[in-house]
């Protein structure tokens, strides 16, 4: 039988690094919440490598994509090759149709290795997703409720 007791006190910190492209790196810091026993993201950083993304992969991403989570919240984004003003390396991701408030801060995107990075209008990292080998991307996006597991699928809602 599962126990609902909180995790024992202590420092259960963890840092995970994911390489993107040429010299790019995403670092996610997390630790165990002593009240819930669940691992929670406590911070992170992202740096884009010096090499540009593959033009073929960038071109393959152009068009409409739907970002969704397990709570049926979604946002249709139109990915373009227009640079996002004030955000080095990011391209514009424009909401197209309905967009849940949790995802309304998303304004940019860029290819990162075999995945996609989503940014806000200033270029700040908001989400990291990797290819699921079935035509979609899985990962997390920072929302007003904290990190949320999401799926990015081709097409609009």
N, C-alpha and C. Protein backbone atom coordinates (compact mmCIF):
# COMPACT_ATOMS: atom_id res chain seq x y z
N UNK A 1 0.85 -1.18 0.00
CA UNK A 1 0.00 0.00 0.00
C UNK A 1 0.89 1.24 0.00
N UNK A 2 0.54 2.20 -0.80
CA UNK A 2 1.32 3.43 -0.91
C UNK A 2 1.12 4.30 0.32
N UNK A 3 2.16 5.00 0.69
CA UNK A 3 2.11 5.89 1.84
C UNK A 3 2.00 7.33 1.37
N UNK A 4 1.20 8.12 2.07
CA UNK A 4 1.08 9.54 1.76
C UNK A 4 1.96 10.39 2.67
N UNK A 5 2.85 9.76 3.40
CA UNK A 5 3.73 10.49 4.30
C UNK A 5 4.70 11.34 3.49
N UNK A 6 5.00 12.55 3.97
CA UNK A 6 5.96 13.40 3.26
C UNK A 6 7.35 12.79 3.29
N UNK A 7 8.17 13.18 2.35
CA UNK A 7 9.55 12.71 2.28
C UNK A 7 10.31 13.16 3.52
N UNK A 8 11.29 12.38 3.89
CA UNK A 8 12.12 12.74 5.04
C UNK A 8 12.86 14.04 4.75
N UNK A 9 13.05 14.87 5.79
CA UNK A 9 13.76 16.13 5.55
C UNK A 9 15.20 15.86 5.12
N UNK A 10 15.73 16.80 4.40
CA UNK A 10 17.10 16.68 3.93
C UNK A 10 17.26 17.40 2.61
N UNK A 11 18.44 17.35 2.08
CA UNK A 11 18.72 18.01 0.81
C UNK A 11 18.73 16.96 -0.29
N UNK A 12 17.67 16.92 -1.08
CA UNK A 12 17.55 15.95 -2.15
C UNK A 12 17.62 16.67 -3.50
N UNK A 13 18.56 17.59 -3.61
CA UNK A 13 18.70 18.38 -4.84
C UNK A 13 19.27 17.57 -5.98
N UNK A 14 18.92 17.99 -7.17
CA UNK A 14 19.40 17.32 -8.37
C UNK A 14 19.54 18.36 -9.47
N UNK A 15 20.56 18.23 -10.27
CA UNK A 15 20.75 19.11 -11.41
C UNK A 15 20.91 18.24 -12.65
N UNK A 16 20.13 18.54 -13.69
CA UNK A 16 20.18 17.77 -14.92
C UNK A 16 20.57 18.69 -16.06
N UNK A 17 21.54 18.28 -16.87
CA UNK A 17 21.95 19.08 -18.02
C UNK A 17 21.64 18.33 -19.30
N UNK A 18 21.13 19.06 -20.28
CA UNK A 18 20.82 18.51 -21.59
C UNK A 18 21.55 19.34 -22.64
N UNK A 19 22.33 18.69 -23.48
CA UNK A 19 23.06 19.40 -24.53
C UNK A 19 22.13 19.65 -25.71
N UNK A 20 22.20 20.87 -26.28
CA UNK A 20 21.44 21.24 -27.45
C UNK A 20 22.38 21.80 -28.50
N UNK A 21 22.34 21.26 -29.69
CA UNK A 21 23.11 21.82 -30.79
C UNK A 21 24.59 21.85 -30.49
N UNK A 22 25.26 22.88 -31.00
CA UNK A 22 26.70 23.03 -30.82
C UNK A 22 26.97 23.94 -29.63
N UNK A 23 27.38 23.38 -28.53
CA UNK A 23 27.71 24.11 -27.30
C UNK A 23 26.52 24.72 -26.59
N UNK A 24 25.30 24.31 -26.92
CA UNK A 24 24.12 24.78 -26.21
C UNK A 24 23.86 23.87 -25.02
N UNK A 25 23.26 24.41 -23.97
CA UNK A 25 23.04 23.62 -22.76
C UNK A 25 21.80 24.11 -22.02
N UNK A 26 20.98 23.17 -21.57
CA UNK A 26 19.87 23.50 -20.69
C UNK A 26 20.14 22.82 -19.36
N UNK A 27 20.02 23.55 -18.27
CA UNK A 27 20.22 23.01 -16.94
C UNK A 27 18.93 23.18 -16.16
N UNK A 28 18.43 22.10 -15.61
CA UNK A 28 17.22 22.14 -14.80
C UNK A 28 17.57 21.70 -13.39
N UNK A 29 17.27 22.53 -12.40
CA UNK A 29 17.52 22.20 -11.00
C UNK A 29 16.21 21.81 -10.34
N UNK A 30 16.25 20.75 -9.53
CA UNK A 30 15.04 20.31 -8.85
C UNK A 30 15.40 19.73 -7.50
N UNK A 31 14.38 19.60 -6.66
CA UNK A 31 14.57 18.94 -5.38
C UNK A 31 13.24 18.38 -4.90
N UNK A 32 13.29 17.55 -3.88
CA UNK A 32 12.09 16.93 -3.32
C UNK A 32 11.38 17.94 -2.42
N UNK A 33 10.09 18.15 -2.67
CA UNK A 33 9.28 19.00 -1.79
C UNK A 33 9.01 18.21 -0.51
N UNK A 34 9.44 18.72 0.66
CA UNK A 34 9.28 17.96 1.91
C UNK A 34 7.81 17.75 2.29
N UNK A 35 6.90 18.56 1.78
CA UNK A 35 5.49 18.41 2.12
C UNK A 35 4.77 17.38 1.27
N UNK A 36 5.17 17.26 0.00
CA UNK A 36 4.46 16.35 -0.90
C UNK A 36 5.26 15.12 -1.28
N UNK A 37 6.58 15.19 -1.12
CA UNK A 37 7.42 14.08 -1.54
C UNK A 37 7.65 14.04 -3.04
N UNK A 38 7.15 15.03 -3.76
CA UNK A 38 7.28 15.08 -5.22
C UNK A 38 8.51 15.91 -5.60
N UNK A 39 9.14 15.54 -6.72
CA UNK A 39 10.26 16.33 -7.24
C UNK A 39 9.69 17.55 -7.93
N UNK A 40 10.21 18.73 -7.60
CA UNK A 40 9.75 19.99 -8.19
C UNK A 40 10.94 20.74 -8.77
N UNK A 41 10.69 21.44 -9.88
CA UNK A 41 11.73 22.25 -10.50
C UNK A 41 11.91 23.52 -9.69
N UNK A 42 13.15 23.82 -9.32
CA UNK A 42 13.43 25.00 -8.50
C UNK A 42 14.19 26.07 -9.26
N UNK A 43 14.58 25.80 -10.48
CA UNK A 43 15.29 26.80 -11.27
C UNK A 43 15.93 26.16 -12.47
N UNK A 44 16.62 26.97 -13.22
CA UNK A 44 17.29 26.44 -14.39
C UNK A 44 17.88 27.54 -15.23
N UNK A 45 18.59 27.13 -16.24
CA UNK A 45 19.18 28.10 -17.16
C UNK A 45 19.28 27.46 -18.53
N UNK A 46 19.49 28.29 -19.52
CA UNK A 46 19.57 27.81 -20.89
C UNK A 46 20.56 28.67 -21.65
N UNK A 47 21.41 28.06 -22.42
CA UNK A 47 22.30 28.83 -23.29
C UNK A 47 22.26 28.19 -24.67
N UNK A 48 22.14 29.04 -25.67
CA UNK A 48 22.08 28.58 -27.05
C UNK A 48 23.49 28.44 -27.57
N UNK A 49 23.77 27.37 -28.28
CA UNK A 49 25.09 27.15 -28.84
C UNK A 49 25.43 28.13 -29.94
N UNK A 50 26.66 28.05 -30.41
CA UNK A 50 27.14 28.99 -31.41
C UNK A 50 26.77 28.60 -32.83
N UNK A 51 26.48 27.34 -33.07
CA UNK A 51 26.15 26.91 -34.43
C UNK A 51 24.66 27.09 -34.69
N UNK A 52 24.29 27.56 -35.88
CA UNK A 52 22.88 27.72 -36.19
C UNK A 52 22.19 26.37 -36.32
N UNK A 53 20.89 26.37 -36.14
CA UNK A 53 20.11 25.15 -36.28
C UNK A 53 20.11 24.72 -37.74
N UNK A 54 19.89 23.45 -37.96
CA UNK A 54 19.79 22.93 -39.32
C UNK A 54 18.64 23.61 -40.05
N UNK A 55 18.91 24.19 -41.24
CA UNK A 55 17.83 24.82 -42.00
C UNK A 55 16.70 23.84 -42.32
N UNK A 56 17.04 22.58 -42.56
CA UNK A 56 16.00 21.58 -42.87
C UNK A 56 15.06 21.39 -41.69
N UNK A 57 15.61 21.30 -40.47
CA UNK A 57 14.74 21.11 -39.31
C UNK A 57 13.93 22.38 -39.04
N UNK A 58 14.57 23.54 -39.17
CA UNK A 58 13.84 24.80 -38.96
C UNK A 58 12.68 24.89 -39.94
N UNK A 59 12.93 24.62 -41.22
CA UNK A 59 11.88 24.68 -42.23
C UNK A 59 10.77 23.66 -41.96
N UNK A 60 11.13 22.49 -41.43
CA UNK A 60 10.13 21.47 -41.13
C UNK A 60 9.19 21.89 -40.00
N UNK A 61 9.63 22.84 -39.18
CA UNK A 61 8.81 23.29 -38.05
C UNK A 61 7.84 24.41 -38.42
N UNK A 62 8.01 25.02 -39.59
CA UNK A 62 7.16 26.15 -39.98
C UNK A 62 5.71 25.70 -40.12
N UNK A 63 4.79 26.50 -39.59
CA UNK A 63 3.36 26.19 -39.69
C UNK A 63 2.70 26.14 -38.33
N UNK A 64 1.50 25.58 -38.30
CA UNK A 64 0.71 25.53 -37.07
C UNK A 64 1.01 24.29 -36.24
N UNK A 65 1.13 24.52 -34.94
CA UNK A 65 1.37 23.47 -33.95
C UNK A 65 0.42 23.71 -32.78
N UNK A 66 -0.02 22.65 -32.13
CA UNK A 66 -0.87 22.79 -30.95
C UNK A 66 -0.12 22.27 -29.73
N UNK A 67 -0.02 23.13 -28.73
CA UNK A 67 0.59 22.79 -27.46
C UNK A 67 -0.54 22.40 -26.51
N UNK A 68 -0.44 21.24 -25.86
CA UNK A 68 -1.52 20.80 -24.97
C UNK A 68 -0.93 20.13 -23.73
N UNK A 69 -1.73 20.12 -22.66
CA UNK A 69 -1.31 19.43 -21.44
C UNK A 69 -2.39 18.44 -21.03
N UNK A 70 -2.18 17.74 -19.93
CA UNK A 70 -3.11 16.70 -19.49
C UNK A 70 -4.40 17.26 -18.90
N UNK A 71 -4.48 18.58 -18.72
CA UNK A 71 -5.69 19.21 -18.19
C UNK A 71 -6.57 19.76 -19.32
N UNK A 72 -6.30 19.37 -20.55
CA UNK A 72 -7.05 19.80 -21.75
C UNK A 72 -6.86 21.28 -22.05
N UNK A 73 -5.82 21.90 -21.49
CA UNK A 73 -5.49 23.28 -21.86
C UNK A 73 -4.64 23.20 -23.12
N UNK A 74 -4.87 24.13 -24.05
CA UNK A 74 -4.09 24.09 -25.27
C UNK A 74 -3.91 25.48 -25.86
N UNK A 75 -3.01 25.54 -26.83
CA UNK A 75 -2.73 26.78 -27.54
C UNK A 75 -2.22 26.42 -28.92
N UNK A 76 -2.85 26.97 -29.94
CA UNK A 76 -2.37 26.78 -31.30
C UNK A 76 -1.40 27.90 -31.61
N UNK A 77 -0.19 27.53 -32.02
CA UNK A 77 0.87 28.49 -32.33
C UNK A 77 1.28 28.34 -33.79
N UNK A 78 1.48 29.46 -34.44
CA UNK A 78 1.97 29.46 -35.80
C UNK A 78 3.46 29.80 -35.76
N UNK A 79 4.32 28.83 -36.10
CA UNK A 79 5.76 29.02 -36.10
C UNK A 79 6.17 29.63 -37.44
N UNK A 80 6.95 30.71 -37.38
CA UNK A 80 7.44 31.35 -38.61
C UNK A 80 8.96 31.45 -38.56
N UNK A 81 9.55 31.92 -39.65
CA UNK A 81 11.00 32.14 -39.68
C UNK A 81 11.34 33.60 -39.43
N UNK A 82 10.36 34.40 -39.04
CA UNK A 82 10.59 35.80 -38.72
C UNK A 82 11.29 35.89 -37.36
N UNK A 83 12.45 36.55 -37.29
CA UNK A 83 13.14 36.68 -36.00
C UNK A 83 12.26 37.38 -34.96
N UNK A 84 12.33 36.92 -33.72
CA UNK A 84 11.61 37.54 -32.61
C UNK A 84 12.44 38.72 -32.14
N UNK A 85 11.92 39.92 -32.28
CA UNK A 85 12.64 41.15 -31.92
C UNK A 85 13.09 41.10 -30.46
N UNK A 86 14.35 41.40 -30.22
CA UNK A 86 14.89 41.47 -28.87
C UNK A 86 15.21 40.12 -28.26
N UNK A 87 15.14 39.05 -29.04
CA UNK A 87 15.41 37.71 -28.51
C UNK A 87 16.38 37.01 -29.44
N UNK A 88 17.64 37.05 -29.12
CA UNK A 88 18.70 36.50 -29.96
C UNK A 88 18.46 35.03 -30.29
N UNK A 89 18.31 34.74 -31.57
CA UNK A 89 18.17 33.36 -32.03
C UNK A 89 16.76 32.83 -32.08
N UNK A 90 15.82 33.46 -31.39
CA UNK A 90 14.44 32.95 -31.38
C UNK A 90 13.68 33.48 -32.59
N UNK A 91 12.73 32.67 -33.05
CA UNK A 91 11.85 33.03 -34.15
C UNK A 91 10.44 33.22 -33.60
N UNK A 92 9.58 33.89 -34.35
CA UNK A 92 8.23 34.19 -33.84
C UNK A 92 7.34 32.95 -33.80
N UNK A 93 6.59 32.84 -32.70
CA UNK A 93 5.53 31.85 -32.53
C UNK A 93 4.29 32.65 -32.15
N UNK A 94 3.35 32.77 -33.08
CA UNK A 94 2.18 33.62 -32.89
C UNK A 94 0.96 32.78 -32.58
N UNK A 95 0.23 33.09 -31.48
CA UNK A 95 -1.02 32.37 -31.21
C UNK A 95 -1.96 32.50 -32.40
N UNK A 96 -2.56 31.40 -32.79
CA UNK A 96 -3.47 31.36 -33.93
C UNK A 96 -4.76 30.72 -33.45
N UNK A 97 -5.77 31.55 -33.21
CA UNK A 97 -7.01 31.02 -32.65
C UNK A 97 -6.95 30.99 -31.14
N UNK A 98 -7.58 30.00 -30.54
CA UNK A 98 -7.67 29.91 -29.08
C UNK A 98 -6.30 29.63 -28.46
N UNK A 99 -6.04 30.29 -27.33
CA UNK A 99 -4.82 30.03 -26.57
C UNK A 99 -5.13 30.14 -25.08
N UNK A 100 -4.99 29.04 -24.35
CA UNK A 100 -5.23 29.02 -22.91
C UNK A 100 -4.30 30.01 -22.21
N UNK A 101 -4.80 30.65 -21.16
CA UNK A 101 -4.00 31.64 -20.41
C UNK A 101 -2.66 31.09 -19.95
N UNK A 102 -2.61 29.80 -19.61
CA UNK A 102 -1.37 29.21 -19.11
C UNK A 102 -0.25 29.27 -20.15
N UNK A 103 -0.61 29.34 -21.43
CA UNK A 103 0.39 29.35 -22.49
C UNK A 103 0.48 30.69 -23.21
N UNK A 104 -0.24 31.69 -22.72
CA UNK A 104 -0.33 32.97 -23.44
C UNK A 104 0.98 33.76 -23.48
N UNK A 105 1.94 33.45 -22.61
CA UNK A 105 3.22 34.18 -22.61
C UNK A 105 4.16 33.70 -23.71
N UNK A 106 3.84 32.60 -24.37
CA UNK A 106 4.73 32.07 -25.40
C UNK A 106 4.70 32.95 -26.64
N UNK A 107 5.90 33.31 -27.12
CA UNK A 107 5.98 34.20 -28.28
C UNK A 107 7.10 33.82 -29.24
N UNK A 108 7.98 32.90 -28.85
CA UNK A 108 9.11 32.55 -29.69
C UNK A 108 9.44 31.07 -29.63
N UNK A 109 10.25 30.66 -30.59
CA UNK A 109 10.68 29.26 -30.65
C UNK A 109 12.04 29.18 -31.33
N UNK A 110 12.73 28.07 -31.12
CA UNK A 110 13.96 27.79 -31.85
C UNK A 110 14.23 26.30 -31.78
N UNK A 111 14.90 25.80 -32.80
CA UNK A 111 15.32 24.41 -32.82
C UNK A 111 16.51 24.28 -31.88
N UNK A 112 16.53 23.21 -31.10
CA UNK A 112 17.63 22.96 -30.18
C UNK A 112 17.93 21.47 -30.21
N UNK A 113 18.98 21.09 -30.93
CA UNK A 113 19.30 19.67 -31.07
C UNK A 113 18.17 18.95 -31.77
N UNK A 114 17.63 17.89 -31.15
CA UNK A 114 16.49 17.19 -31.74
C UNK A 114 15.19 17.64 -31.08
N UNK A 115 15.19 18.85 -30.56
CA UNK A 115 14.01 19.36 -29.88
C UNK A 115 13.71 20.80 -30.24
N UNK A 116 12.81 21.36 -29.46
CA UNK A 116 12.33 22.73 -29.66
C UNK A 116 12.35 23.44 -28.32
N UNK A 117 12.77 24.69 -28.34
CA UNK A 117 12.72 25.54 -27.16
C UNK A 117 11.65 26.60 -27.41
N UNK A 118 10.81 26.86 -26.41
CA UNK A 118 9.79 27.90 -26.49
C UNK A 118 10.20 29.04 -25.58
N UNK A 119 10.01 30.28 -26.04
CA UNK A 119 10.41 31.46 -25.26
C UNK A 119 9.25 32.42 -25.10
N UNK A 120 9.43 33.40 -24.21
CA UNK A 120 8.48 34.50 -24.12
C UNK A 120 8.96 35.60 -25.06
N UNK A 121 8.30 36.75 -25.05
CA UNK A 121 8.62 37.83 -25.99
C UNK A 121 10.04 38.39 -25.80
N UNK A 122 10.61 38.24 -24.60
CA UNK A 122 11.97 38.75 -24.36
C UNK A 122 13.04 37.71 -24.68
N UNK A 123 12.62 36.51 -25.08
CA UNK A 123 13.57 35.45 -25.39
C UNK A 123 13.90 34.56 -24.21
N UNK A 124 13.25 34.79 -23.05
CA UNK A 124 13.49 33.97 -21.87
C UNK A 124 12.90 32.58 -22.08
N UNK A 125 13.65 31.56 -21.74
CA UNK A 125 13.21 30.18 -21.87
C UNK A 125 11.93 29.95 -21.09
N UNK A 126 10.91 29.41 -21.74
CA UNK A 126 9.64 29.06 -21.10
C UNK A 126 9.37 27.57 -21.18
N UNK A 127 9.97 26.89 -22.17
CA UNK A 127 9.74 25.46 -22.31
C UNK A 127 10.81 24.77 -23.12
N UNK A 128 10.98 23.48 -22.86
CA UNK A 128 11.94 22.64 -23.57
C UNK A 128 11.22 21.35 -23.94
N UNK A 129 11.28 20.99 -25.22
CA UNK A 129 10.62 19.78 -25.68
C UNK A 129 11.57 19.00 -26.58
N UNK A 130 11.44 17.67 -26.58
CA UNK A 130 12.26 16.83 -27.44
C UNK A 130 11.35 15.97 -28.31
N UNK A 131 11.86 15.58 -29.48
CA UNK A 131 11.09 14.78 -30.42
C UNK A 131 10.72 13.44 -29.79
N UNK A 132 9.47 13.00 -30.05
CA UNK A 132 9.02 11.72 -29.52
C UNK A 132 9.11 10.60 -30.56
N UNK A 133 9.72 10.88 -31.71
CA UNK A 133 9.89 9.93 -32.81
C UNK A 133 8.56 9.49 -33.42
N UNK A 134 7.49 10.26 -33.17
CA UNK A 134 6.18 9.97 -33.77
C UNK A 134 5.61 11.25 -34.38
N UNK A 135 6.48 12.24 -34.62
CA UNK A 135 6.03 13.48 -35.24
C UNK A 135 5.64 14.58 -34.28
N UNK A 136 5.72 14.33 -32.99
CA UNK A 136 5.36 15.34 -31.98
C UNK A 136 6.58 15.59 -31.09
N UNK A 137 6.42 16.51 -30.14
CA UNK A 137 7.48 16.86 -29.19
C UNK A 137 6.89 16.83 -27.78
N UNK A 138 7.64 16.29 -26.83
CA UNK A 138 7.21 16.20 -25.44
C UNK A 138 8.20 16.95 -24.57
N UNK A 139 7.69 17.56 -23.49
CA UNK A 139 8.56 18.27 -22.57
C UNK A 139 7.78 19.03 -21.53
N UNK A 140 8.36 20.13 -21.06
CA UNK A 140 7.71 20.95 -20.04
C UNK A 140 7.70 22.41 -20.46
N UNK A 141 6.68 23.11 -20.00
CA UNK A 141 6.56 24.55 -20.19
C UNK A 141 6.29 25.16 -18.83
N UNK A 142 6.96 26.26 -18.52
CA UNK A 142 6.69 26.97 -17.27
C UNK A 142 5.43 27.80 -17.44
N UNK A 143 4.43 27.52 -16.61
CA UNK A 143 3.16 28.26 -16.64
C UNK A 143 3.01 29.00 -15.32
N UNK A 144 1.89 29.68 -15.15
CA UNK A 144 1.63 30.38 -13.90
C UNK A 144 1.52 29.41 -12.73
N UNK A 145 1.32 28.13 -13.01
CA UNK A 145 1.21 27.11 -11.97
C UNK A 145 2.51 26.33 -11.80
N UNK A 146 3.57 26.77 -12.46
CA UNK A 146 4.84 26.06 -12.40
C UNK A 146 5.04 25.20 -13.64
N UNK A 147 6.07 24.35 -13.64
CA UNK A 147 6.35 23.51 -14.80
C UNK A 147 5.19 22.55 -15.08
N UNK A 148 4.79 22.45 -16.33
CA UNK A 148 3.69 21.59 -16.75
C UNK A 148 4.16 20.71 -17.90
N UNK A 149 3.87 19.42 -17.83
CA UNK A 149 4.20 18.50 -18.91
C UNK A 149 3.29 18.78 -20.10
N UNK A 150 3.89 18.90 -21.29
CA UNK A 150 3.12 19.26 -22.48
C UNK A 150 3.52 18.40 -23.68
N UNK A 151 2.65 18.47 -24.70
CA UNK A 151 2.91 17.83 -25.98
C UNK A 151 2.68 18.87 -27.06
N UNK A 152 3.57 18.94 -28.03
CA UNK A 152 3.46 19.84 -29.18
C UNK A 152 3.21 18.97 -30.40
N UNK A 153 2.02 19.15 -31.02
CA UNK A 153 1.61 18.33 -32.16
C UNK A 153 1.35 19.20 -33.37
N UNK A 154 1.59 18.67 -34.54
CA UNK A 154 1.35 19.39 -35.80
C UNK A 154 -0.14 19.66 -35.97
N UNK A 155 -0.47 20.87 -36.41
CA UNK A 155 -1.86 21.23 -36.71
C UNK A 155 -2.45 22.14 -35.66
N UNK A 156 -3.66 22.60 -35.93
CA UNK A 156 -4.36 23.51 -35.02
C UNK A 156 -5.60 22.88 -34.46
N UNK A 157 -6.09 23.47 -33.38
CA UNK A 157 -7.32 22.97 -32.74
C UNK A 157 -8.50 23.71 -33.32
